[in-house]
Structure formats: structure tokens, C-alpha cells
Amino acid sequence: MTDLQPFSTLFDLAGKRIIVIGAGSGIGEAGALALAGHGADVLCADVSEEAAARVAAAIVEGGGAATSAFVDIGDSASINTLYESHGHLDALITTPAINVRKRLLEVTEEEVHRVVSLNLVGAFNAMTAAGRRMADAGGGSIVAISSIRSQVVEPGQGVYAATKAGVLQMVRTLAAELGPQGVRVNALAPGVVETPLTEQIKNQPDWYEAYAAKGALGRWAQPIEMAGPIVFLASDASSFVTASLLVADGGWLGVDGRFTPPL
């Protein structure tokens, strides 16, 4: 008789200690809730201590295990303090990003530095500090939020897209360098998701609907729809997955336009 037990526990995170950076809202919040729902002990970290504490409290109220902490991923000392407070680390999910929606010829040098500092340098700080600890421990999973903008661009997204492509390449490099120590590193590429980062688009109906029509599913994603991919990449279900870009974009990259021909 075939033993199905190993398959039933593929997504089980019981006993795993996981840090979610950016857990105070959006994709990070959804990921933290889902990870806790699968048994993980989650440290909800965010630049907003109040938001992180709110999510951690919701997890505990729901019967899960969670704590909260402040972190500024642009500050390597803040990252190290966070990790030291959590002890052993089985997985890291890092989500924070900002955007400046301007054509490149209108973007200021200060704005470039601001976006790069958080999106790219921040991801570097979070991933490398976690990678050192996981390599020493002999394993772990790092998940960084990239974007479909690492693959395709549009006017006004140049700096953001560059940082998300950079995150993907750092993910691949770190995966190659830490694979021998059992550390897996992957990127998740969401499509259009209703989060605080996309509030500007949501407030403009024509823009919002155009984005919805671009994908195969004809709609935007909700943050909770990124929770499944996050759990997958953090769990043993993805034990042979590393250096990968997992796309969760509702078909955006696979569909070549909004026009339906009269076939």
C-alpha cells in the first residue's frame, strides 16, 4: 500500500521559525497570516511597529504563534538586530518596495537613490544577513518579492523595474552561492495586486480597468492570492526549487494584449 503521509505534510510549517519583513500590510500581511496558518512561528516585522503588532495579534487571536518587531531594511544594523532577536531562522520573506511613477527623464537623482535604497539595497541587506545565518545552520529558504516588472516595463516604471530585475539577479546569485549549504533562494513575481503600493492606480478607473483587462483572468489579484506561492516557497513542498522566479500574475506575461479578435 502506498503511504500518503509524506504528501500530506508537504506544506506543514509546524516548528518552523519564519520572519516576514513588510508584514504590516499587503502581500507581507497575507503571507504572514498564511504561514502562521500552516503552523509557523512568525515574526512580523515592519517599519510600522503598530502595523506589525496588529498582524501578530491577529495571528495569536486566531490560534497561531507570532511576535512583532520594528525593522528598517535600509539599515543593516536594524536587520541584524531583528535576526538576533528571533534566534534560529528557517525562512525569510522580504516584501517592502516603493515606486516613483515618472518618466526616466523626469526622475531626480534623489528619487533614484530613494527607490534603489529600499527596493534593492534593502533586499540585499535582508537576504544576505539571513543567508549567512542559514548557511551556518545548514539550510533555509529565502523568498524575495520581485515583480513582473523584472520582465516587462512600461513608461513611468523604469527605476522600479530596474530594482525588481536587480532583486531577481541577486536571488539567483545567492541561490548559486548558498546552494551547497542547503539554502534555497527564490523570487516571487506578482502581477497587479491591490496593495497600498498600487493605490494610485486603483483611484483612476480607466488605468485600473486597463490593467485588469491585460491579464488572462481579467482582474486584479488580492494580497491573499500571493499567500499560496509564499507558503509553497517557504515549505518543503518546494525542496528542489531554487534560483527561480515564480510568476503569479493572472496570465499577464503570457497574454499579448487586450484585443479579442473576431474568430
C-alpha atoms as a PDB file:
ATOM      1  CA  MET A   1       0.000   0.000   0.000  1.00  0.00           C
ATOM      2  CA  THR A   2       1.277   3.471  -0.854  1.00  0.00           C
ATOM      3  CA  ASP A   3       1.965   5.662   2.155  1.00  0.00           C
ATOM      4  CA  LEU A   4       0.341   9.050   1.558  1.00  0.00           C
ATOM      5  CA  GLN A   5       1.563  10.594   4.811  1.00  0.00           C
ATOM      6  CA  PRO A   6       4.673  12.265   3.312  1.00  0.00           C
ATOM      7  CA  PHE A   7       2.468  14.050   0.790  1.00  0.00           C
ATOM      8  CA  SER A   8       0.040  15.327   3.412  1.00  0.00           C
ATOM      9  CA  THR A   9       2.783  17.214   5.230  1.00  0.00           C
ATOM     10  CA  LEU A  10       4.466  18.905   2.270  1.00  0.00           C
ATOM     11  CA  PHE A  11       3.176  22.331   3.287  1.00  0.00           C
ATOM     12  CA  ASP A  12       3.422  21.749   7.037  1.00  0.00           C
ATOM     13  CA  LEU A  13       5.433  24.521   8.699  1.00  0.00           C
ATOM     14  CA  ALA A  14       4.987  23.383  12.291  1.00  0.00           C
ATOM     15  CA  GLY A  15       8.095  24.177  14.317  1.00  0.00           C
ATOM     16  CA  LYS A  16       9.494  26.488  11.631  1.00  0.00           C
ATOM     17  CA  ARG A  17      10.597  29.988  12.615  1.00  0.00           C
ATOM     18  CA  ILE A  18       9.937  32.483   9.853  1.00  0.00           C
ATOM     19  CA  ILE A  19      10.497  36.219   9.562  1.00  0.00           C
ATOM     20  CA  VAL A  20       8.228  38.250   7.293  1.00  0.00           C
ATOM     21  CA  ILE A  21       9.579  41.717   6.552  1.00  0.00           C
ATOM     22  CA  GLY A  22       6.814  44.060   5.470  1.00  0.00           C
ATOM     23  CA  ALA A  23       4.200  42.060   7.379  1.00  0.00           C
ATOM     24  CA  GLY A  24       2.226  45.154   8.301  1.00  0.00           C
ATOM     25  CA  SER A  25       0.234  45.350   5.071  1.00  0.00           C
ATOM     26  CA  GLY A  26      -0.427  43.975   1.611  1.00  0.00           C
ATOM     27  CA  ILE A  27       1.374  40.860   0.422  1.00  0.00           C
ATOM     28  CA  GLY A  28       3.509  40.703   3.548  1.00  0.00           C
ATOM     29  CA  GLU A  29       0.471  40.650   5.808  1.00  0.00           C
ATOM     30  CA  ALA A  30      -1.240  37.947   3.755  1.00  0.00           C
ATOM     31  CA  GLY A  31       1.955  35.894   3.729  1.00  0.00           C
ATOM     32  CA  ALA A  32       2.406  36.176   7.498  1.00  0.00           C
ATOM     33  CA  LEU A  33      -1.167  35.026   8.142  1.00  0.00           C
ATOM     34  CA  ALA A  34      -0.840  32.091   5.744  1.00  0.00           C
ATOM     35  CA  LEU A  35       2.497  30.942   7.129  1.00  0.00           C
ATOM     36  CA  ALA A  36       1.102  31.010  10.654  1.00  0.00           C
ATOM     37  CA  GLY A  37      -1.967  29.132   9.412  1.00  0.00           C
ATOM     38  CA  HIS A  38       0.354  26.333   8.295  1.00  0.00           C
ATOM     39  CA  GLY A  39       1.975  26.149  11.718  1.00  0.00           C
ATOM     40  CA  ALA A  40       4.940  28.503  11.512  1.00  0.00           C
ATOM     41  CA  ASP A  41       6.119  30.698  14.355  1.00  0.00           C
ATOM     42  CA  VAL A  42       6.097  34.055  12.569  1.00  0.00           C
ATOM     43  CA  LEU A  43       7.965  37.218  13.439  1.00  0.00           C
ATOM     44  CA  CYS A  44       6.007  40.052  11.825  1.00  0.00           C
ATOM     45  CA  ALA A  45       8.479  42.831  11.079  1.00  0.00           C
ATOM     46  CA  ASP A  46       7.728  46.219   9.584  1.00  0.00           C
ATOM     47  CA  VAL A  47       8.883  49.822   9.616  1.00  0.00           C
ATOM     48  CA  SER A  48       5.480  50.465  11.208  1.00  0.00           C
ATOM     49  CA  GLU A  49       5.620  48.827  14.622  1.00  0.00           C
ATOM     50  CA  GLU A  50       1.889  49.402  15.067  1.00  0.00           C
ATOM     51  CA  ALA A  51       1.005  47.598  11.837  1.00  0.00           C
ATOM     52  CA  ALA A  52       3.317  44.684  12.624  1.00  0.00           C
ATOM     53  CA  ALA A  53       1.829  44.348  16.105  1.00  0.00           C
ATOM     54  CA  ARG A  54      -1.694  44.366  14.664  1.00  0.00           C
ATOM     55  CA  VAL A  55      -0.940  41.455  12.327  1.00  0.00           C
ATOM     56  CA  ALA A  56       0.876  39.483  15.041  1.00  0.00           C
ATOM     57  CA  ALA A  57      -2.081  39.996  17.388  1.00  0.00           C
ATOM     58  CA  ALA A  58      -4.473  38.742  14.711  1.00  0.00           C
ATOM     59  CA  ILE A  59      -2.379  35.587  14.308  1.00  0.00           C
ATOM     60  CA  VAL A  60      -2.308  34.909  18.037  1.00  0.00           C
ATOM     61  CA  GLU A  61      -6.037  35.573  18.300  1.00  0.00           C
ATOM     62  CA  GLY A  62      -6.563  33.005  15.552  1.00  0.00           C
ATOM     63  CA  GLY A  63      -4.600  30.380  17.481  1.00  0.00           C
ATOM     64  CA  GLY A  64      -1.226  30.834  15.794  1.00  0.00           C
ATOM     65  CA  ALA A  65       2.204  31.813  17.066  1.00  0.00           C
ATOM     66  CA  ALA A  66       3.573  35.260  16.290  1.00  0.00           C
ATOM     67  CA  THR A  67       5.520  38.198  17.630  1.00  0.00           C
ATOM     68  CA  SER A  68       6.248  41.593  16.116  1.00  0.00           C
ATOM     69  CA  ALA A  69       9.194  43.941  15.760  1.00  0.00           C
ATOM     70  CA  PHE A  70      10.375  47.103  14.065  1.00  0.00           C
ATOM     71  CA  VAL A  71      12.807  46.856  11.182  1.00  0.00           C
ATOM     72  CA  ASP A  72      14.233  49.254   8.623  1.00  0.00           C
ATOM     73  CA  ILE A  73      15.665  47.164   5.794  1.00  0.00           C
ATOM     74  CA  GLY A  74      17.642  50.125   4.534  1.00  0.00           C
ATOM     75  CA  ASP A  75      19.693  49.886   7.736  1.00  0.00           C
ATOM     76  CA  SER A  76      21.861  46.757   8.025  1.00  0.00           C
ATOM     77  CA  ALA A  77      22.189  47.244  11.792  1.00  0.00           C
ATOM     78  CA  SER A  78      18.400  47.161  12.111  1.00  0.00           C
ATOM     79  CA  ILE A  79      18.288  43.917  10.109  1.00  0.00           C
ATOM     80  CA  ASN A  80      20.929  42.270  12.293  1.00  0.00           C
ATOM     81  CA  THR A  81      19.119  43.321  15.459  1.00  0.00           C
ATOM     82  CA  LEU A  82      15.913  41.782  14.127  1.00  0.00           C
ATOM     83  CA  TYR A  83      17.517  38.453  13.281  1.00  0.00           C
ATOM     84  CA  GLU A  84      19.388  38.219  16.569  1.00  0.00           C
ATOM     85  CA  SER A  85      16.121  38.717  18.452  1.00  0.00           C
ATOM     86  CA  HIS A  86      14.475  35.795  16.629  1.00  0.00           C
ATOM     87  CA  GLY A  87      17.235  33.234  17.050  1.00  0.00           C
ATOM     88  CA  HIS A  88      17.062  30.298  14.637  1.00  0.00           C
ATOM     89  CA  LEU A  89      15.705  31.200  11.224  1.00  0.00           C
ATOM     90  CA  ASP A  90      14.103  28.663   8.869  1.00  0.00           C
ATOM     91  CA  ALA A  91      12.732  31.066   6.276  1.00  0.00           C
ATOM     92  CA  LEU A  92      12.713  34.734   5.369  1.00  0.00           C
ATOM     93  CA  ILE A  93      10.072  36.525   3.319  1.00  0.00           C
ATOM     94  CA  THR A  94      11.024  40.078   2.346  1.00  0.00           C
ATOM     95  CA  THR A  95       8.419  42.266   0.642  1.00  0.00           C
ATOM     96  CA  PRO A  96       8.985  46.043   1.052  1.00  0.00           C
ATOM     97  CA  ALA A  97       9.168  48.264  -2.019  1.00  0.00           C
ATOM     98  CA  ILE A  98       8.370  51.794  -3.117  1.00  0.00           C
ATOM     99  CA  ASN A  99       7.812  53.323  -6.534  1.00  0.00           C
ATOM    100  CA  VAL A 100       8.153  56.711  -8.191  1.00  0.00           C
ATOM    101  CA  ARG A 101       5.904  56.793 -11.243  1.00  0.00           C
ATOM    102  CA  LYS A 102       7.692  59.180 -13.577  1.00  0.00           C
ATOM    103  CA  ARG A 103       9.293  59.018 -16.994  1.00  0.00           C
ATOM    104  CA  LEU A 104      13.020  58.469 -16.642  1.00  0.00           C
ATOM    105  CA  LEU A 105      13.867  61.921 -17.981  1.00  0.00           C
ATOM    106  CA  GLU A 106      11.816  63.429 -15.155  1.00  0.00           C
ATOM    107  CA  VAL A 107      13.132  61.282 -12.289  1.00  0.00           C
ATOM    108  CA  THR A 108      15.516  63.096  -9.978  1.00  0.00           C
ATOM    109  CA  GLU A 109      18.736  61.630  -8.669  1.00  0.00           C
ATOM    110  CA  GLU A 110      17.329  61.828  -5.149  1.00  0.00           C
ATOM    111  CA  GLU A 111      14.314  59.774  -6.207  1.00  0.00           C
ATOM    112  CA  VAL A 112      16.553  57.156  -7.817  1.00  0.00           C
ATOM    113  CA  HIS A 113      18.571  56.846  -4.620  1.00  0.00           C
ATOM    114  CA  ARG A 114      15.398  56.576  -2.528  1.00  0.00           C
ATOM    115  CA  VAL A 115      13.881  53.757  -4.601  1.00  0.00           C
ATOM    116  CA  VAL A 116      17.159  51.868  -5.013  1.00  0.00           C
ATOM    117  CA  SER A 117      17.966  52.216  -1.312  1.00  0.00           C
ATOM    118  CA  LEU A 118      14.774  50.498  -0.210  1.00  0.00           C
ATOM    119  CA  ASN A 119      13.986  48.114  -3.055  1.00  0.00           C
ATOM    120  CA  LEU A 120      17.463  46.902  -3.954  1.00  0.00           C
ATOM    121  CA  VAL A 121      19.835  47.705  -1.084  1.00  0.00           C
ATOM    122  CA  GLY A 122      17.134  46.790   1.431  1.00  0.00           C
ATOM    123  CA  ALA A 123      16.575  43.425  -0.233  1.00  0.00           C
ATOM    124  CA  PHE A 124      20.347  42.894  -0.289  1.00  0.00           C
ATOM    125  CA  ASN A 125      20.586  43.632   3.437  1.00  0.00           C
ATOM    126  CA  ALA A 126      17.693  41.330   4.322  1.00  0.00           C
ATOM    127  CA  MET A 127      18.746  38.407   2.123  1.00  0.00           C
ATOM    128  CA  THR A 128      22.477  38.380   2.798  1.00  0.00           C
ATOM    129  CA  ALA A 129      22.111  38.654   6.564  1.00  0.00           C
ATOM    130  CA  ALA A 130      19.610  35.795   6.516  1.00  0.00           C
ATOM    131  CA  GLY A 131      21.794  33.827   4.116  1.00  0.00           C
ATOM    132  CA  ARG A 132      24.769  33.933   6.485  1.00  0.00           C
ATOM    133  CA  ARG A 133      22.706  32.558   9.348  1.00  0.00           C
ATOM    134  CA  MET A 134      21.047  29.869   7.246  1.00  0.00           C
ATOM    135  CA  ALA A 135      24.345  28.761   5.712  1.00  0.00           C
ATOM    136  CA  ASP A 136      25.826  28.359   9.193  1.00  0.00           C
ATOM    137  CA  ALA A 137      22.756  26.360  10.255  1.00  0.00           C
ATOM    138  CA  GLY A 138      22.839  24.143   7.166  1.00  0.00           C
ATOM    139  CA  GLY A 139      19.646  25.180   5.423  1.00  0.00           C
ATOM    140  CA  GLY A 140      16.725  27.526   4.981  1.00  0.00           C
ATOM    141  CA  SER A 141      14.532  29.282   2.459  1.00  0.00           C
ATOM    142  CA  ILE A 142      14.682  32.911   1.363  1.00  0.00           C
ATOM    143  CA  VAL A 143      11.810  34.404  -0.626  1.00  0.00           C
ATOM    144  CA  ALA A 144      12.086  37.902  -2.083  1.00  0.00           C
ATOM    145  CA  ILE A 145       9.216  39.707  -3.758  1.00  0.00           C
ATOM    146  CA  SER A 146      10.231  40.759  -7.240  1.00  0.00           C
ATOM    147  CA  SER A 147       7.621  41.708  -9.852  1.00  0.00           C
ATOM    148  CA  ILE A 148       6.515  41.154 -13.413  1.00  0.00           C
ATOM    149  CA  ARG A 149       8.368  44.450 -13.887  1.00  0.00           C
ATOM    150  CA  SER A 150      11.565  42.423 -13.670  1.00  0.00           C
ATOM    151  CA  GLN A 151      10.494  41.051 -17.069  1.00  0.00           C
ATOM    152  CA  VAL A 152       8.449  43.751 -18.797  1.00  0.00           C
ATOM    153  CA  VAL A 153       8.244  47.518 -18.393  1.00  0.00           C
ATOM    154  CA  GLU A 154       6.050  50.473 -19.253  1.00  0.00           C
ATOM    155  CA  PRO A 155       6.558  54.257 -19.222  1.00  0.00           C
ATOM    156  CA  GLY A 156       6.980  55.556 -15.705  1.00  0.00           C
ATOM    157  CA  GLN A 157       8.252  52.304 -14.201  1.00  0.00           C
ATOM    158  CA  GLY A 158      11.931  52.448 -15.166  1.00  0.00           C
ATOM    159  CA  VAL A 159      13.593  52.774 -11.771  1.00  0.00           C
ATOM    160  CA  TYR A 160      11.174  50.400 -10.057  1.00  0.00           C
ATOM    161  CA  ALA A 161      11.619  47.832 -12.835  1.00  0.00           C
ATOM    162  CA  ALA A 162      15.399  48.105 -12.601  1.00  0.00           C
ATOM    163  CA  THR A 163      15.320  47.376  -8.878  1.00  0.00           C
ATOM    164  CA  LYS A 164      12.995  44.403  -9.296  1.00  0.00           C
ATOM    165  CA  ALA A 165      15.227  42.949 -12.014  1.00  0.00           C
ATOM    166  CA  GLY A 166      18.156  43.521  -9.677  1.00  0.00           C
ATOM    167  CA  VAL A 167      16.394  41.661  -6.866  1.00  0.00           C
ATOM    168  CA  LEU A 168      15.866  38.708  -9.198  1.00  0.00           C
ATOM    169  CA  GLN A 169      19.531  38.588 -10.179  1.00  0.00           C
ATOM    170  CA  MET A 170      20.635  38.794  -6.533  1.00  0.00           C
ATOM    171  CA  VAL A 171      18.249  35.938  -5.751  1.00  0.00           C
ATOM    172  CA  ARG A 172      19.796  33.804  -8.463  1.00  0.00           C
ATOM    173  CA  THR A 173      23.329  34.635  -7.391  1.00  0.00           C
ATOM    174  CA  LEU A 174      22.657  33.953  -3.719  1.00  0.00           C
ATOM    175  CA  ALA A 175      20.985  30.668  -4.650  1.00  0.00           C
ATOM    176  CA  ALA A 176      24.096  29.628  -6.584  1.00  0.00           C
ATOM    177  CA  GLU A 177      26.431  30.640  -3.790  1.00  0.00           C
ATOM    178  CA  LEU A 178      24.467  29.107  -0.898  1.00  0.00           C
ATOM    179  CA  GLY A 179      23.087  26.007  -2.583  1.00  0.00           C
ATOM    180  CA  PRO A 180      25.948  23.843  -1.255  1.00  0.00           C
ATOM    181  CA  GLN A 181      24.921  24.841   2.279  1.00  0.00           C
ATOM    182  CA  GLY A 182      21.325  23.778   1.677  1.00  0.00           C
ATOM    183  CA  VAL A 183      19.906  27.298   1.422  1.00  0.00           C
ATOM    184  CA  ARG A 184      17.233  27.855  -1.207  1.00  0.00           C
ATOM    185  CA  VAL A 185      16.607  31.361  -2.590  1.00  0.00           C
ATOM    186  CA  ASN A 186      13.677  32.244  -4.837  1.00  0.00           C
ATOM    187  CA  ALA A 187      11.765  35.270  -6.091  1.00  0.00           C
ATOM    188  CA  LEU A 188       8.020  35.735  -6.409  1.00  0.00           C
ATOM    189  CA  ALA A 189       6.755  37.935  -9.250  1.00  0.00           C
ATOM    190  CA  PRO A 190       3.235  39.210  -8.594  1.00  0.00           C
ATOM    191  CA  GLY A 191       1.259  40.914 -11.290  1.00  0.00           C
ATOM    192  CA  VAL A 192      -1.184  43.676 -10.401  1.00  0.00           C
ATOM    193  CA  VAL A 193      -2.214  43.301  -6.752  1.00  0.00           C
ATOM    194  CA  GLU A 194      -4.427  45.613  -4.732  1.00  0.00           C
ATOM    195  CA  THR A 195      -2.000  46.910  -2.117  1.00  0.00           C
ATOM    196  CA  PRO A 196      -1.051  50.346  -0.741  1.00  0.00           C
ATOM    197  CA  LEU A 197       1.673  50.483  -3.419  1.00  0.00           C
ATOM    198  CA  THR A 198      -0.935  50.413  -6.205  1.00  0.00           C
ATOM    199  CA  GLU A 199      -3.436  52.800  -4.577  1.00  0.00           C
ATOM    200  CA  GLN A 200      -2.663  55.498  -7.174  1.00  0.00           C
ATOM    201  CA  ILE A 201      -3.830  53.207  -9.996  1.00  0.00           C
ATOM    202  CA  LYS A 202      -6.916  51.988  -8.157  1.00  0.00           C
ATOM    203  CA  ASN A 203      -8.055  55.593  -7.785  1.00  0.00           C
ATOM    204  CA  GLN A 204      -8.035  56.091 -11.572  1.00  0.00           C
ATOM    205  CA  PRO A 205     -10.774  53.841 -13.061  1.00  0.00           C
ATOM    206  CA  ASP A 206      -9.522  53.831 -16.668  1.00  0.00           C
ATOM    207  CA  TRP A 207      -5.993  52.893 -15.589  1.00  0.00           C
ATOM    208  CA  TYR A 208      -7.287  50.295 -13.141  1.00  0.00           C
ATOM    209  CA  GLU A 209      -9.544  48.627 -15.727  1.00  0.00           C
ATOM    210  CA  ALA A 210      -6.794  48.628 -18.373  1.00  0.00           C
ATOM    211  CA  TYR A 211      -4.535  46.692 -16.018  1.00  0.00           C
ATOM    212  CA  ALA A 212      -7.355  44.282 -15.162  1.00  0.00           C
ATOM    213  CA  ALA A 213      -8.013  43.619 -18.854  1.00  0.00           C
ATOM    214  CA  LYS A 214      -4.365  42.854 -19.619  1.00  0.00           C
ATOM    215  CA  GLY A 215      -4.244  39.507 -17.818  1.00  0.00           C
ATOM    216  CA  ALA A 216      -5.946  36.275 -18.817  1.00  0.00           C
ATOM    217  CA  LEU A 217      -8.210  36.368 -15.757  1.00  0.00           C
ATOM    218  CA  GLY A 218      -9.387  39.917 -16.445  1.00  0.00           C
ATOM    219  CA  ARG A 219      -8.972  41.187 -12.895  1.00  0.00           C
ATOM    220  CA  TRP A 220      -6.545  42.315 -10.236  1.00  0.00           C
ATOM    221  CA  ALA A 221      -5.230  39.993  -7.539  1.00  0.00           C
ATOM    222  CA  GLN A 222      -5.922  40.322  -3.850  1.00  0.00           C
ATOM    223  CA  PRO A 223      -2.939  40.047  -1.468  1.00  0.00           C
ATOM    224  CA  ILE A 224      -4.198  36.704  -0.155  1.00  0.00           C
ATOM    225  CA  GLU A 225      -3.656  35.239  -3.635  1.00  0.00           C
ATOM    226  CA  MET A 226       0.087  35.647  -3.132  1.00  0.00           C
ATOM    227  CA  ALA A 227      -0.082  33.710   0.142  1.00  0.00           C
ATOM    228  CA  GLY A 228      -0.138  30.280  -1.524  1.00  0.00           C
ATOM    229  CA  PRO A 229       3.046  30.884  -3.548  1.00  0.00           C
ATOM    230  CA  ILE A 230       4.755  32.222  -0.417  1.00  0.00           C
ATOM    231  CA  VAL A 231       3.824  29.140   1.625  1.00  0.00           C
ATOM    232  CA  PHE A 232       4.964  26.904  -1.223  1.00  0.00           C
ATOM    233  CA  LEU A 233       8.393  28.554  -1.469  1.00  0.00           C
ATOM    234  CA  ALA A 234       8.880  28.573   2.302  1.00  0.00           C
ATOM    235  CA  SER A 235       7.878  24.939   2.783  1.00  0.00           C
ATOM    236  CA  ASP A 236       9.311  21.549   1.950  1.00  0.00           C
ATOM    237  CA  ALA A 237       6.870  21.390  -0.965  1.00  0.00           C
ATOM    238  CA  SER A 238       9.494  23.392  -2.879  1.00  0.00           C
ATOM    239  CA  SER A 239      12.518  21.486  -1.575  1.00  0.00           C
ATOM    240  CA  PHE A 240      14.078  21.221  -5.067  1.00  0.00           C
ATOM    241  CA  VAL A 241      13.149  24.753  -6.157  1.00  0.00           C
ATOM    242  CA  THR A 242      15.849  27.410  -6.014  1.00  0.00           C
ATOM    243  CA  ALA A 243      17.124  30.299  -8.161  1.00  0.00           C
ATOM    244  CA  SER A 244      13.625  30.508  -9.621  1.00  0.00           C
ATOM    245  CA  LEU A 245      11.144  33.253 -10.424  1.00  0.00           C
ATOM    246  CA  LEU A 246       7.649  32.082  -9.528  1.00  0.00           C
ATOM    247  CA  VAL A 247       5.199  34.192 -11.528  1.00  0.00           C
ATOM    248  CA  ALA A 248       1.742  34.821 -10.058  1.00  0.00           C
ATOM    249  CA  ASP A 249       0.374  37.382 -12.485  1.00  0.00           C
ATOM    250  CA  GLY A 250      -3.013  36.135 -13.669  1.00  0.00           C
ATOM    251  CA  GLY A 251      -1.545  35.447 -17.084  1.00  0.00           C
ATOM    252  CA  TRP A 252      -0.128  38.948 -17.676  1.00  0.00           C
ATOM    253  CA  LEU A 253       3.157  37.763 -19.179  1.00  0.00           C
ATOM    254  CA  GLY A 254       1.525  35.068 -21.251  1.00  0.00           C
ATOM    255  CA  VAL A 255      -1.182  37.139 -22.956  1.00  0.00           C
ATOM    256  CA  ASP A 256      -0.145  39.507 -25.739  1.00  0.00           C
ATOM    257  CA  GLY A 257      -2.824  42.174 -25.488  1.00  0.00           C
ATOM    258  CA  ARG A 258      -6.384  43.153 -24.639  1.00  0.00           C
ATOM    259  CA  PHE A 259      -7.984  42.822 -28.093  1.00  0.00           C
ATOM    260  CA  THR A 260     -10.073  39.710 -28.713  1.00  0.00           C
ATOM    261  CA  PRO A 261     -10.112  39.017 -32.447  1.00  0.00           C
ATOM    262  CA  PRO A 262     -13.395  38.043 -34.167  1.00  0.00           C
ATOM    263  CA  LEU A 263     -12.515  34.383 -34.698  1.00  0.00           C
END
